[in-house]
PDB file of N, CA and C in Angstrom:
ATOM      1  N   MET A   1       6.264 -21.764 -62.239  1.00  0.00           N
ATOM      2  CA  MET A   1       5.067 -21.719 -61.447  1.00  0.00           C
ATOM      3  C   MET A   1       5.023 -22.833 -60.416  1.00  0.00           C
ATOM      4  N   THR A   2       5.582 -23.942 -60.763  1.00  0.00           N
ATOM      5  CA  THR A   2       5.556 -25.048 -59.817  1.00  0.00           C
ATOM      6  C   THR A   2       6.383 -24.731 -58.582  1.00  0.00           C
ATOM      7  N   ALA A   3       7.426 -23.981 -58.765  1.00  0.00           N
ATOM      8  CA  ALA A   3       8.243 -23.589 -57.611  1.00  0.00           C
ATOM      9  C   ALA A   3       7.450 -22.652 -56.708  1.00  0.00           C
ATOM     10  N   THR A   4       6.681 -21.755 -57.297  1.00  0.00           N
ATOM     11  CA  THR A   4       5.855 -20.840 -56.508  1.00  0.00           C
ATOM     12  C   THR A   4       4.775 -21.610 -55.762  1.00  0.00           C
ATOM     13  N   ARG A   5       4.163 -22.555 -56.436  1.00  0.00           N
ATOM     14  CA  ARG A   5       3.119 -23.355 -55.777  1.00  0.00           C
ATOM     15  C   ARG A   5       3.721 -24.201 -54.652  1.00  0.00           C
ATOM     16  N   GLU A   6       4.871 -24.742 -54.892  1.00  0.00           N
ATOM     17  CA  GLU A   6       5.535 -25.558 -53.867  1.00  0.00           C
ATOM     18  C   GLU A   6       5.881 -24.702 -52.644  1.00  0.00           C
ATOM     19  N   LEU A   7       6.351 -23.502 -52.880  1.00  0.00           N
ATOM     20  CA  LEU A   7       6.682 -22.586 -51.790  1.00  0.00           C
ATOM     21  C   LEU A   7       5.439 -22.190 -51.009  1.00  0.00           C
ATOM     22  N   SER A   8       4.354 -21.853 -51.711  1.00  0.00           N
ATOM     23  CA  SER A   8       3.126 -21.461 -51.016  1.00  0.00           C
ATOM     24  C   SER A   8       2.534 -22.639 -50.249  1.00  0.00           C
ATOM     25  N   ARG A   9       2.665 -23.855 -50.784  1.00  0.00           N
ATOM     26  CA  ARG A   9       2.153 -25.032 -50.081  1.00  0.00           C
ATOM     27  C   ARG A   9       2.951 -25.270 -48.790  1.00  0.00           C
ATOM     28  N   ARG A  10       4.249 -25.111 -48.851  1.00  0.00           N
ATOM     29  CA  ARG A  10       5.080 -25.293 -47.654  1.00  0.00           C
ATOM     30  C   ARG A  10       4.807 -24.195 -46.620  1.00  0.00           C
ATOM     31  N   LEU A  11       4.593 -22.989 -47.086  1.00  0.00           N
ATOM     32  CA  LEU A  11       4.282 -21.889 -46.157  1.00  0.00           C
ATOM     33  C   LEU A  11       2.954 -22.138 -45.452  1.00  0.00           C
ATOM     34  N   ARG A  12       1.966 -22.663 -46.185  1.00  0.00           N
ATOM     35  CA  ARG A  12       0.673 -22.960 -45.561  1.00  0.00           C
ATOM     36  C   ARG A  12       0.824 -24.012 -44.467  1.00  0.00           C
ATOM     37  N   HIS A  13       1.698 -24.954 -44.658  1.00  0.00           N
ATOM     38  CA  HIS A  13       1.916 -25.986 -43.649  1.00  0.00           C
ATOM     39  C   HIS A  13       2.666 -25.437 -42.430  1.00  0.00           C
ATOM     40  N   CYS A  14       3.401 -24.371 -42.588  1.00  0.00           N
ATOM     41  CA  CYS A  14       4.182 -23.789 -41.492  1.00  0.00           C
ATOM     42  C   CYS A  14       3.416 -22.719 -40.718  1.00  0.00           C
ATOM     43  N   VAL A  15       2.385 -22.148 -41.296  1.00  0.00           N
ATOM     44  CA  VAL A  15       1.687 -21.022 -40.676  1.00  0.00           C
ATOM     45  C   VAL A  15       1.028 -21.428 -39.365  1.00  0.00           C
ATOM     46  N   LEU A  16       0.292 -22.511 -39.341  1.00  0.00           N
ATOM     47  CA  LEU A  16      -0.417 -22.926 -38.134  1.00  0.00           C
ATOM     48  C   LEU A  16       0.551 -23.245 -36.986  1.00  0.00           C
ATOM     49  N   PRO A  17       1.597 -24.024 -37.195  1.00  0.00           N
ATOM     50  CA  PRO A  17       2.543 -24.252 -36.094  1.00  0.00           C
ATOM     51  C   PRO A  17       3.219 -22.965 -35.618  1.00  0.00           C
ATOM     52  N   LEU A  18       3.549 -22.063 -36.540  1.00  0.00           N
ATOM     53  CA  LEU A  18       4.164 -20.793 -36.139  1.00  0.00           C
ATOM     54  C   LEU A  18       3.204 -19.945 -35.318  1.00  0.00           C
ATOM     55  N   LEU A  19       1.936 -19.917 -35.700  1.00  0.00           N
ATOM     56  CA  LEU A  19       0.936 -19.184 -34.918  1.00  0.00           C
ATOM     57  C   LEU A  19       0.777 -19.795 -33.529  1.00  0.00           C
ATOM     58  N   CYS A  20       0.787 -21.111 -33.456  1.00  0.00           N
ATOM     59  CA  CYS A  20       0.682 -21.776 -32.153  1.00  0.00           C
ATOM     60  C   CYS A  20       1.886 -21.454 -31.269  1.00  0.00           C
ATOM     61  N   VAL A  21       3.070 -21.498 -31.839  1.00  0.00           N
ATOM     62  CA  VAL A  21       4.282 -21.179 -31.077  1.00  0.00           C
ATOM     63  C   VAL A  21       4.254 -19.723 -30.623  1.00  0.00           C
ATOM     64  N   ALA A  22       3.837 -18.819 -31.490  1.00  0.00           N
ATOM     65  CA  ALA A  22       3.761 -17.396 -31.128  1.00  0.00           C
ATOM     66  C   ALA A  22       2.737 -17.183 -30.015  1.00  0.00           C
ATOM     67  N   THR A  23       1.599 -17.864 -30.088  1.00  0.00           N
ATOM     68  CA  THR A  23       0.568 -17.727 -29.052  1.00  0.00           C
ATOM     69  C   THR A  23       1.065 -18.266 -27.718  1.00  0.00           C
ATOM     70  N   ILE A  24       1.711 -19.413 -27.742  1.00  0.00           N
ATOM     71  CA  ILE A  24       2.245 -19.988 -26.505  1.00  0.00           C
ATOM     72  C   ILE A  24       3.329 -19.086 -25.918  1.00  0.00           C
ATOM     73  N   ALA A  25       4.178 -18.524 -26.757  1.00  0.00           N
ATOM     74  CA  ALA A  25       5.221 -17.607 -26.281  1.00  0.00           C
ATOM     75  C   ALA A  25       4.602 -16.354 -25.669  1.00  0.00           C
ATOM     76  N   TYR A  26       3.565 -15.832 -26.286  1.00  0.00           N
ATOM     77  CA  TYR A  26       2.881 -14.640 -25.775  1.00  0.00           C
ATOM     78  C   TYR A  26       2.262 -14.929 -24.409  1.00  0.00           C
ATOM     79  N   ILE A  27       1.553 -16.036 -24.309  1.00  0.00           N
ATOM     80  CA  ILE A  27       0.910 -16.393 -23.038  1.00  0.00           C
ATOM     81  C   ILE A  27       1.969 -16.671 -21.970  1.00  0.00           C
ATOM     82  N   GLY A  28       3.042 -17.353 -22.349  1.00  0.00           N
ATOM     83  CA  GLY A  28       4.117 -17.634 -21.398  1.00  0.00           C
ATOM     84  C   GLY A  28       4.791 -16.373 -20.889  1.00  0.00           C
ATOM     85  N   TYR A  29       5.041 -15.441 -21.781  1.00  0.00           N
ATOM     86  CA  TYR A  29       5.663 -14.177 -21.373  1.00  0.00           C
ATOM     87  C   TYR A  29       4.781 -13.446 -20.367  1.00  0.00           C
ATOM     88  N   HIS A  30       3.494 -13.362 -20.652  1.00  0.00           N
ATOM     89  CA  HIS A  30       2.596 -12.637 -19.756  1.00  0.00           C
ATOM     90  C   HIS A  30       2.322 -13.407 -18.470  1.00  0.00           C
ATOM     91  N   ALA A  31       2.473 -14.716 -18.496  1.00  0.00           N
ATOM     92  CA  ALA A  31       2.331 -15.491 -17.264  1.00  0.00           C
ATOM     93  C   ALA A  31       3.480 -15.205 -16.306  1.00  0.00           C
ATOM     94  N   VAL A  32       4.624 -14.851 -16.847  1.00  0.00           N
ATOM     95  CA  VAL A  32       5.778 -14.557 -16.000  1.00  0.00           C
ATOM     96  C   VAL A  32       5.899 -13.061 -15.728  1.00  0.00           C
ATOM     97  N   GLN A  33       5.802 -12.232 -16.745  1.00  0.00           N
ATOM     98  CA  GLN A  33       6.079 -10.810 -16.624  1.00  0.00           C
ATOM     99  C   GLN A  33       4.842  -9.926 -16.557  1.00  0.00           C
ATOM    100  N   GLY A  34       3.671 -10.446 -16.685  1.00  0.00           N
ATOM    101  CA  GLY A  34       2.465  -9.628 -16.752  1.00  0.00           C
ATOM    102  C   GLY A  34       2.075  -9.028 -15.412  1.00  0.00           C
ATOM    103  N   ASP A  35       0.989  -8.267 -15.409  1.00  0.00           N
ATOM    104  CA  ASP A  35       0.506  -7.606 -14.197  1.00  0.00           C
ATOM    105  C   ASP A  35       0.123  -8.605 -13.110  1.00  0.00           C
ATOM    106  N   ARG A  36      -0.320  -9.774 -13.505  1.00  0.00           N
ATOM    107  CA  ARG A  36      -0.699 -10.807 -12.555  1.00  0.00           C
ATOM    108  C   ARG A  36       0.190 -12.044 -12.701  1.00  0.00           C
ATOM    109  N   GLY A  37       1.394 -11.854 -13.178  1.00  0.00           N
ATOM    110  CA  GLY A  37       2.316 -12.954 -13.435  1.00  0.00           C
ATOM    111  C   GLY A  37       3.132 -13.326 -12.211  1.00  0.00           C
ATOM    112  N   LEU A  38       4.088 -14.197 -12.431  1.00  0.00           N
ATOM    113  CA  LEU A  38       4.926 -14.689 -11.341  1.00  0.00           C
ATOM    114  C   LEU A  38       5.787 -13.588 -10.729  1.00  0.00           C
ATOM    115  N   ALA A  39       6.297 -12.687 -11.544  1.00  0.00           N
ATOM    116  CA  ALA A  39       7.129 -11.593 -11.024  1.00  0.00           C
ATOM    117  C   ALA A  39       6.302 -10.684 -10.121  1.00  0.00           C
ATOM    118  N   ALA A  40       5.093 -10.368 -10.536  1.00  0.00           N
ATOM    119  CA  ALA A  40       4.214  -9.533  -9.710  1.00  0.00           C
ATOM    120  C   ALA A  40       3.834 -10.266  -8.431  1.00  0.00           C
ATOM    121  N   TRP A  41       3.636 -11.568  -8.526  1.00  0.00           N
ATOM    122  CA  TRP A  41       3.289 -12.357  -7.348  1.00  0.00           C
ATOM    123  C   TRP A  41       4.431 -12.339  -6.333  1.00  0.00           C
ATOM    124  N   ARG A  42       5.670 -12.447  -6.814  1.00  0.00           N
ATOM    125  CA  ARG A  42       6.822 -12.380  -5.910  1.00  0.00           C
ATOM    126  C   ARG A  42       6.912 -11.018  -5.231  1.00  0.00           C
ATOM    127  N   GLN A  43       6.699  -9.953  -5.989  1.00  0.00           N
ATOM    128  CA  GLN A  43       6.751  -8.611  -5.406  1.00  0.00           C
ATOM    129  C   GLN A  43       5.657  -8.433  -4.365  1.00  0.00           C
ATOM    130  N   LEU A  44       4.467  -8.921  -4.656  1.00  0.00           N
ATOM    131  CA  LEU A  44       3.376  -8.817  -3.691  1.00  0.00           C
ATOM    132  C   LEU A  44       3.671  -9.637  -2.438  1.00  0.00           C
ATOM    133  N   SER A  45       4.268 -10.789  -2.593  1.00  0.00           N
ATOM    134  CA  SER A  45       4.622 -11.613  -1.434  1.00  0.00           C
ATOM    135  C   SER A  45       5.641 -10.896  -0.551  1.00  0.00           C
ATOM    136  N   GLN A  46       6.624 -10.260  -1.164  1.00  0.00           N
ATOM    137  CA  GLN A  46       7.612  -9.510  -0.392  1.00  0.00           C
ATOM    138  C   GLN A  46       6.964  -8.326   0.314  1.00  0.00           C
ATOM    139  N   ARG A  47       6.068  -7.648  -0.368  1.00  0.00           N
ATOM    140  CA  ARG A  47       5.378  -6.500   0.238  1.00  0.00           C
ATOM    141  C   ARG A  47       4.494  -6.953   1.398  1.00  0.00           C
ATOM    142  N   ILE A  48       3.842  -8.107   1.247  1.00  0.00           N
ATOM    143  CA  ILE A  48       3.012  -8.636   2.329  1.00  0.00           C
ATOM    144  C   ILE A  48       3.875  -8.939   3.546  1.00  0.00           C
ATOM    145  N   ASP A  49       5.039  -9.550   3.346  1.00  0.00           N
ATOM    146  CA  ASP A  49       5.942  -9.835   4.463  1.00  0.00           C
ATOM    147  C   ASP A  49       6.388  -8.552   5.153  1.00  0.00           C
ATOM    148  N   GLN A  50       6.693  -7.534   4.367  1.00  0.00           N
ATOM    149  CA  GLN A  50       7.131  -6.255   4.928  1.00  0.00           C
ATOM    150  C   GLN A  50       6.009  -5.608   5.739  1.00  0.00           C
ATOM    151  N   VAL A  51       4.802  -5.609   5.208  1.00  0.00           N
ATOM    152  CA  VAL A  51       3.674  -4.980   5.903  1.00  0.00           C
ATOM    153  C   VAL A  51       3.311  -5.767   7.160  1.00  0.00           C
ATOM    154  N   GLU A  52       3.425  -7.098   7.116  1.00  0.00           N
ATOM    155  CA  GLU A  52       3.153  -7.892   8.313  1.00  0.00           C
ATOM    156  C   GLU A  52       4.169  -7.595   9.410  1.00  0.00           C
ATOM    157  N   ALA A  53       5.424  -7.356   9.038  1.00  0.00           N
ATOM    158  CA  ALA A  53       6.434  -6.983  10.029  1.00  0.00           C
ATOM    159  C   ALA A  53       6.106  -5.618  10.640  1.00  0.00           C
ATOM    160  N   GLU A  54       5.682  -4.675   9.807  1.00  0.00           N
ATOM    161  CA  GLU A  54       5.280  -3.360  10.318  1.00  0.00           C
ATOM    162  C   GLU A  54       4.062  -3.484  11.228  1.00  0.00           C
ATOM    163  N   LEU A  55       3.138  -4.351  10.867  1.00  0.00           N
ATOM    164  CA  LEU A  55       1.947  -4.574  11.688  1.00  0.00           C
ATOM    165  C   LEU A  55       2.329  -5.147  13.040  1.00  0.00           C
ATOM    166  N   HIS A  56       3.282  -6.063  13.058  1.00  0.00           N
ATOM    167  CA  HIS A  56       3.726  -6.650  14.319  1.00  0.00           C
ATOM    168  C   HIS A  56       4.333  -5.580  15.228  1.00  0.00           C
ATOM    169  N   VAL A  57       5.152  -4.709  14.661  1.00  0.00           N
ATOM    170  CA  VAL A  57       5.758  -3.625  15.446  1.00  0.00           C
ATOM    171  C   VAL A  57       4.674  -2.697  15.988  1.00  0.00           C
ATOM    172  N   ALA A  58       3.698  -2.363  15.159  1.00  0.00           N
ATOM    173  CA  ALA A  58       2.614  -1.475  15.595  1.00  0.00           C
ATOM    174  C   ALA A  58       1.780  -2.126  16.695  1.00  0.00           C
ATOM    175  N   ARG A  59       1.533  -3.421  16.577  1.00  0.00           N
ATOM    176  CA  ARG A  59       0.752  -4.109  17.620  1.00  0.00           C
ATOM    177  C   ARG A  59       1.509  -4.148  18.939  1.00  0.00           C
ATOM    178  N   MET A  60       2.823  -4.353  18.880  1.00  0.00           N
ATOM    179  CA  MET A  60       3.618  -4.362  20.109  1.00  0.00           C
ATOM    180  C   MET A  60       3.596  -2.985  20.768  1.00  0.00           C
ATOM    181  N   ALA A  61       3.705  -1.933  19.964  1.00  0.00           N
ATOM    182  CA  ALA A  61       3.647  -0.574  20.515  1.00  0.00           C
ATOM    183  C   ALA A  61       2.282  -0.316  21.132  1.00  0.00           C
ATOM    184  N   ARG A  62       1.236  -0.784  20.479  1.00  0.00           N
ATOM    185  CA  ARG A  62      -0.115  -0.593  21.013  1.00  0.00           C
ATOM    186  C   ARG A  62      -0.286  -1.339  22.332  1.00  0.00           C
ATOM    187  N   GLU A  63       0.228  -2.555  22.419  1.00  0.00           N
ATOM    188  CA  GLU A  63       0.128  -3.313  23.669  1.00  0.00           C
ATOM    189  C   GLU A  63       0.856  -2.604  24.807  1.00  0.00           C
ATOM    190  N   ARG A  64       2.041  -2.038  24.505  1.00  0.00           N
ATOM    191  CA  ARG A  64       2.765  -1.285  25.539  1.00  0.00           C
ATOM    192  C   ARG A  64       1.952  -0.091  26.008  1.00  0.00           C
ATOM    193  N   LEU A  65       1.366   0.645  25.042  1.00  0.00           N
ATOM    194  CA  LEU A  65       0.568   1.813  25.415  1.00  0.00           C
ATOM    195  C   LEU A  65      -0.679   1.411  26.189  1.00  0.00           C
ATOM    196  N   GLU A  66      -1.333   0.329  25.781  1.00  0.00           N
ATOM    197  CA  GLU A  66      -2.516  -0.131  26.508  1.00  0.00           C
ATOM    198  C   GLU A  66      -2.158  -0.526  27.932  1.00  0.00           C
ATOM    199  N   HIS A  67      -0.991  -1.134  28.101  1.00  0.00           N
ATOM    200  CA  HIS A  67      -0.559  -1.506  29.448  1.00  0.00           C
ATOM    201  C   HIS A  67      -0.316  -0.260  30.299  1.00  0.00           C
ATOM    202  N   ARG A  68       0.330   0.729  29.717  1.00  0.00           N
ATOM    203  CA  ARG A  68       0.574   1.971  30.475  1.00  0.00           C
ATOM    204  C   ARG A  68      -0.726   2.680  30.813  1.00  0.00           C
ATOM    205  N   VAL A  69      -1.672   2.683  29.890  1.00  0.00           N
ATOM    206  CA  VAL A  69      -2.968   3.310  30.152  1.00  0.00           C
ATOM    207  C   VAL A  69      -3.702   2.555  31.246  1.00  0.00           C
ATOM    208  N   SER A  70      -3.607   1.221  31.234  1.00  0.00           N
ATOM    209  CA  SER A  70      -4.293   0.441  32.267  1.00  0.00           C
ATOM    210  C   SER A  70      -3.718   0.737  33.649  1.00  0.00           C
ATOM    211  N   LEU A  71      -2.440   1.090  33.720  1.00  0.00           N
ATOM    212  CA  LEU A  71      -1.849   1.440  35.010  1.00  0.00           C
ATOM    213  C   LEU A  71      -2.337   2.790  35.516  1.00  0.00           C
ATOM    214  N   LEU A  72      -2.853   3.636  34.644  1.00  0.00           N
ATOM    215  CA  LEU A  72      -3.343   4.953  35.055  1.00  0.00           C
ATOM    216  C   LEU A  72      -4.853   4.989  35.275  1.00  0.00           C
ATOM    217  N   ARG A  73      -5.535   3.896  35.091  1.00  0.00           N
ATOM    218  CA  ARG A  73      -6.989   3.870  35.295  1.00  0.00           C
ATOM    219  C   ARG A  73      -7.296   3.963  36.787  1.00  0.00           C
ATOM    220  N   PRO A  74      -8.412   4.601  37.137  1.00  0.00           N
ATOM    221  CA  PRO A  74      -8.740   4.801  38.556  1.00  0.00           C
ATOM    222  C   PRO A  74      -8.945   3.496  39.329  1.00  0.00           C
ATOM    223  N   ASP A  75      -9.480   2.466  38.701  1.00  0.00           N
ATOM    224  CA  ASP A  75      -9.739   1.225  39.432  1.00  0.00           C
ATOM    225  C   ASP A  75      -8.459   0.454  39.745  1.00  0.00           C
ATOM    226  N   GLY A  76      -7.395   0.671  39.036  1.00  0.00           N
ATOM    227  CA  GLY A  76      -6.145  -0.037  39.293  1.00  0.00           C
ATOM    228  C   GLY A  76      -4.965   0.905  39.227  1.00  0.00           C
ATOM    229  N   LEU A  77      -5.044   2.043  39.874  1.00  0.00           N
ATOM    230  CA  LEU A  77      -4.026   3.082  39.779  1.00  0.00           C
ATOM    231  C   LEU A  77      -2.709   2.612  40.394  1.00  0.00           C
ATOM    232  N   ASP A  78      -1.660   2.699  39.654  1.00  0.00           N
ATOM    233  CA  ASP A  78      -0.328   2.330  40.113  1.00  0.00           C
ATOM    234  C   ASP A  78       0.363   3.601  40.597  1.00  0.00           C
ATOM    235  N   ARG A  79       0.778   3.587  41.865  1.00  0.00           N
ATOM    236  CA  ARG A  79       1.366   4.793  42.461  1.00  0.00           C
ATOM    237  C   ARG A  79       2.668   5.186  41.762  1.00  0.00           C
ATOM    238  N   ASP A  80       3.461   4.230  41.387  1.00  0.00           N
ATOM    239  CA  ASP A  80       4.724   4.544  40.703  1.00  0.00           C
ATOM    240  C   ASP A  80       4.466   5.212  39.347  1.00  0.00           C
ATOM    241  N   MET A  81       3.470   4.712  38.617  1.00  0.00           N
ATOM    242  CA  MET A  81       3.147   5.302  37.315  1.00  0.00           C
ATOM    243  C   MET A  81       2.602   6.719  37.501  1.00  0.00           C
ATOM    244  N   LEU A  82       1.765   6.920  38.506  1.00  0.00           N
ATOM    245  CA  LEU A  82       1.230   8.254  38.774  1.00  0.00           C
ATOM    246  C   LEU A  82       2.362   9.215  39.138  1.00  0.00           C
ATOM    247  N   ASP A  83       3.299   8.753  39.960  1.00  0.00           N
ATOM    248  CA  ASP A  83       4.436   9.579  40.350  1.00  0.00           C
ATOM    249  C   ASP A  83       5.291   9.920  39.124  1.00  0.00           C
ATOM    250  N   GLU A  84       5.538   8.941  38.279  1.00  0.00           N
ATOM    251  CA  GLU A  84       6.337   9.174  37.073  1.00  0.00           C
ATOM    252  C   GLU A  84       5.669  10.187  36.154  1.00  0.00           C
ATOM    253  N   ARG A  85       4.378  10.053  35.922  1.00  0.00           N
ATOM    254  CA  ARG A  85       3.661  10.976  35.035  1.00  0.00           C
ATOM    255  C   ARG A  85       3.604  12.388  35.631  1.00  0.00           C
ATOM    256  N   ALA A  86       3.405  12.502  36.949  1.00  0.00           N
ATOM    257  CA  ALA A  86       3.368  13.818  37.584  1.00  0.00           C
ATOM    258  C   ALA A  86       4.719  14.520  37.448  1.00  0.00           C
ATOM    259  N   ARG A  87       5.786  13.775  37.596  1.00  0.00           N
ATOM    260  CA  ARG A  87       7.117  14.369  37.454  1.00  0.00           C
ATOM    261  C   ARG A  87       7.372  14.819  36.015  1.00  0.00           C
ATOM    262  N   LEU A  88       6.989  13.983  35.077  1.00  0.00           N
ATOM    263  CA  LEU A  88       7.279  14.271  33.680  1.00  0.00           C
ATOM    264  C   LEU A  88       6.391  15.381  33.130  1.00  0.00           C
ATOM    265  N   VAL A  89       5.093  15.270  33.337  1.00  0.00           N
ATOM    266  CA  VAL A  89       4.156  16.205  32.713  1.00  0.00           C
ATOM    267  C   VAL A  89       4.071  17.520  33.480  1.00  0.00           C
ATOM    268  N   LEU A  90       3.957  17.436  34.794  1.00  0.00           N
ATOM    269  CA  LEU A  90       3.744  18.645  35.592  1.00  0.00           C
ATOM    270  C   LEU A  90       5.034  19.246  36.144  1.00  0.00           C
ATOM    271  N   GLY A  91       6.122  18.513  36.061  1.00  0.00           N
ATOM    272  CA  GLY A  91       7.385  19.022  36.591  1.00  0.00           C
ATOM    273  C   GLY A  91       7.418  19.017  38.109  1.00  0.00           C
ATOM    274  N   LEU A  92       6.691  18.113  38.731  1.00  0.00           N
ATOM    275  CA  LEU A  92       6.633  18.052  40.193  1.00  0.00           C
ATOM    276  C   LEU A  92       7.772  17.211  40.750  1.00  0.00           C
ATOM    277  N   ALA A  93       8.113  17.479  42.016  1.00  0.00           N
ATOM    278  CA  ALA A  93       9.120  16.704  42.729  1.00  0.00           C
ATOM    279  C   ALA A  93       8.752  16.717  44.206  1.00  0.00           C
ATOM    280  N   HIS A  94       9.309  15.782  44.966  1.00  0.00           N
ATOM    281  CA  HIS A  94       9.076  15.760  46.408  1.00  0.00           C
ATOM    282  C   HIS A  94       9.847  16.908  47.052  1.00  0.00           C
ATOM    283  N   PRO A  95       9.332  17.443  48.168  1.00  0.00           N
ATOM    284  CA  PRO A  95      10.008  18.590  48.799  1.00  0.00           C
ATOM    285  C   PRO A  95      11.419  18.274  49.292  1.00  0.00           C
ATOM    286  N   ASP A  96      11.694  17.043  49.666  1.00  0.00           N
ATOM    287  CA  ASP A  96      13.010  16.724  50.212  1.00  0.00           C
ATOM    288  C   ASP A  96      13.993  16.210  49.151  1.00  0.00           C
ATOM    289  N   GLU A  97      13.627  16.272  47.892  1.00  0.00           N
ATOM    290  CA  GLU A  97      14.508  15.792  46.833  1.00  0.00           C
ATOM    291  C   GLU A  97      15.492  16.875  46.402  1.00  0.00           C
ATOM    292  N   ILE A  98      16.677  16.434  46.013  1.00  0.00           N
ATOM    293  CA  ILE A  98      17.681  17.334  45.457  1.00  0.00           C
ATOM    294  C   ILE A  98      17.733  17.061  43.958  1.00  0.00           C
ATOM    295  N   ILE A  99      17.618  18.108  43.167  1.00  0.00           N
ATOM    296  CA  ILE A  99      17.575  17.969  41.713  1.00  0.00           C
ATOM    297  C   ILE A  99      18.885  18.492  41.139  1.00  0.00           C
ATOM    298  N   TYR A 100      19.531  17.674  40.322  1.00  0.00           N
ATOM    299  CA  TYR A 100      20.762  18.060  39.649  1.00  0.00           C
ATOM    300  C   TYR A 100      20.432  18.324  38.187  1.00  0.00           C
ATOM    301  N   LEU A 101      20.772  19.490  37.707  1.00  0.00           N
ATOM    302  CA  LEU A 101      20.560  19.828  36.304  1.00  0.00           C
ATOM    303  C   LEU A 101      21.840  19.548  35.535  1.00  0.00           C
ATOM    304  N   THR A 102      21.723  18.812  34.466  1.00  0.00           N
ATOM    305  CA  THR A 102      22.890  18.510  33.639  1.00  0.00           C
ATOM    306  C   THR A 102      22.666  19.072  32.253  1.00  0.00           C
ATOM    307  N   ARG A 103      23.759  19.342  31.600  1.00  0.00           N
ATOM    308  CA  ARG A 103      23.661  19.858  30.233  1.00  0.00           C
ATOM    309  C   ARG A 103      24.290  18.902  29.294  1.00  0.00           C
TER     310      ARG A 103
END
């Protein structure tokens, strides 16, 4: 019986430290691998960088389009832009021009 009591006494002394180690390991694992952990934070950071690059490309395209639209406004009409759009959209050309069709 003394051996059993000695074993149970030693186990009681080990239970609290083992529970603490298990709790710290659990919290540490979820701090790194959890939904809001370091791994998720890295993935979100990469996604943010990717989306910011896409946003930059979209803003540049928008600025180009806004510039082209500003050239077609009546108050600042650019003759070259009007000529280019008439040729492209309406298929117009000057009467003295020679048009070469290529395939």
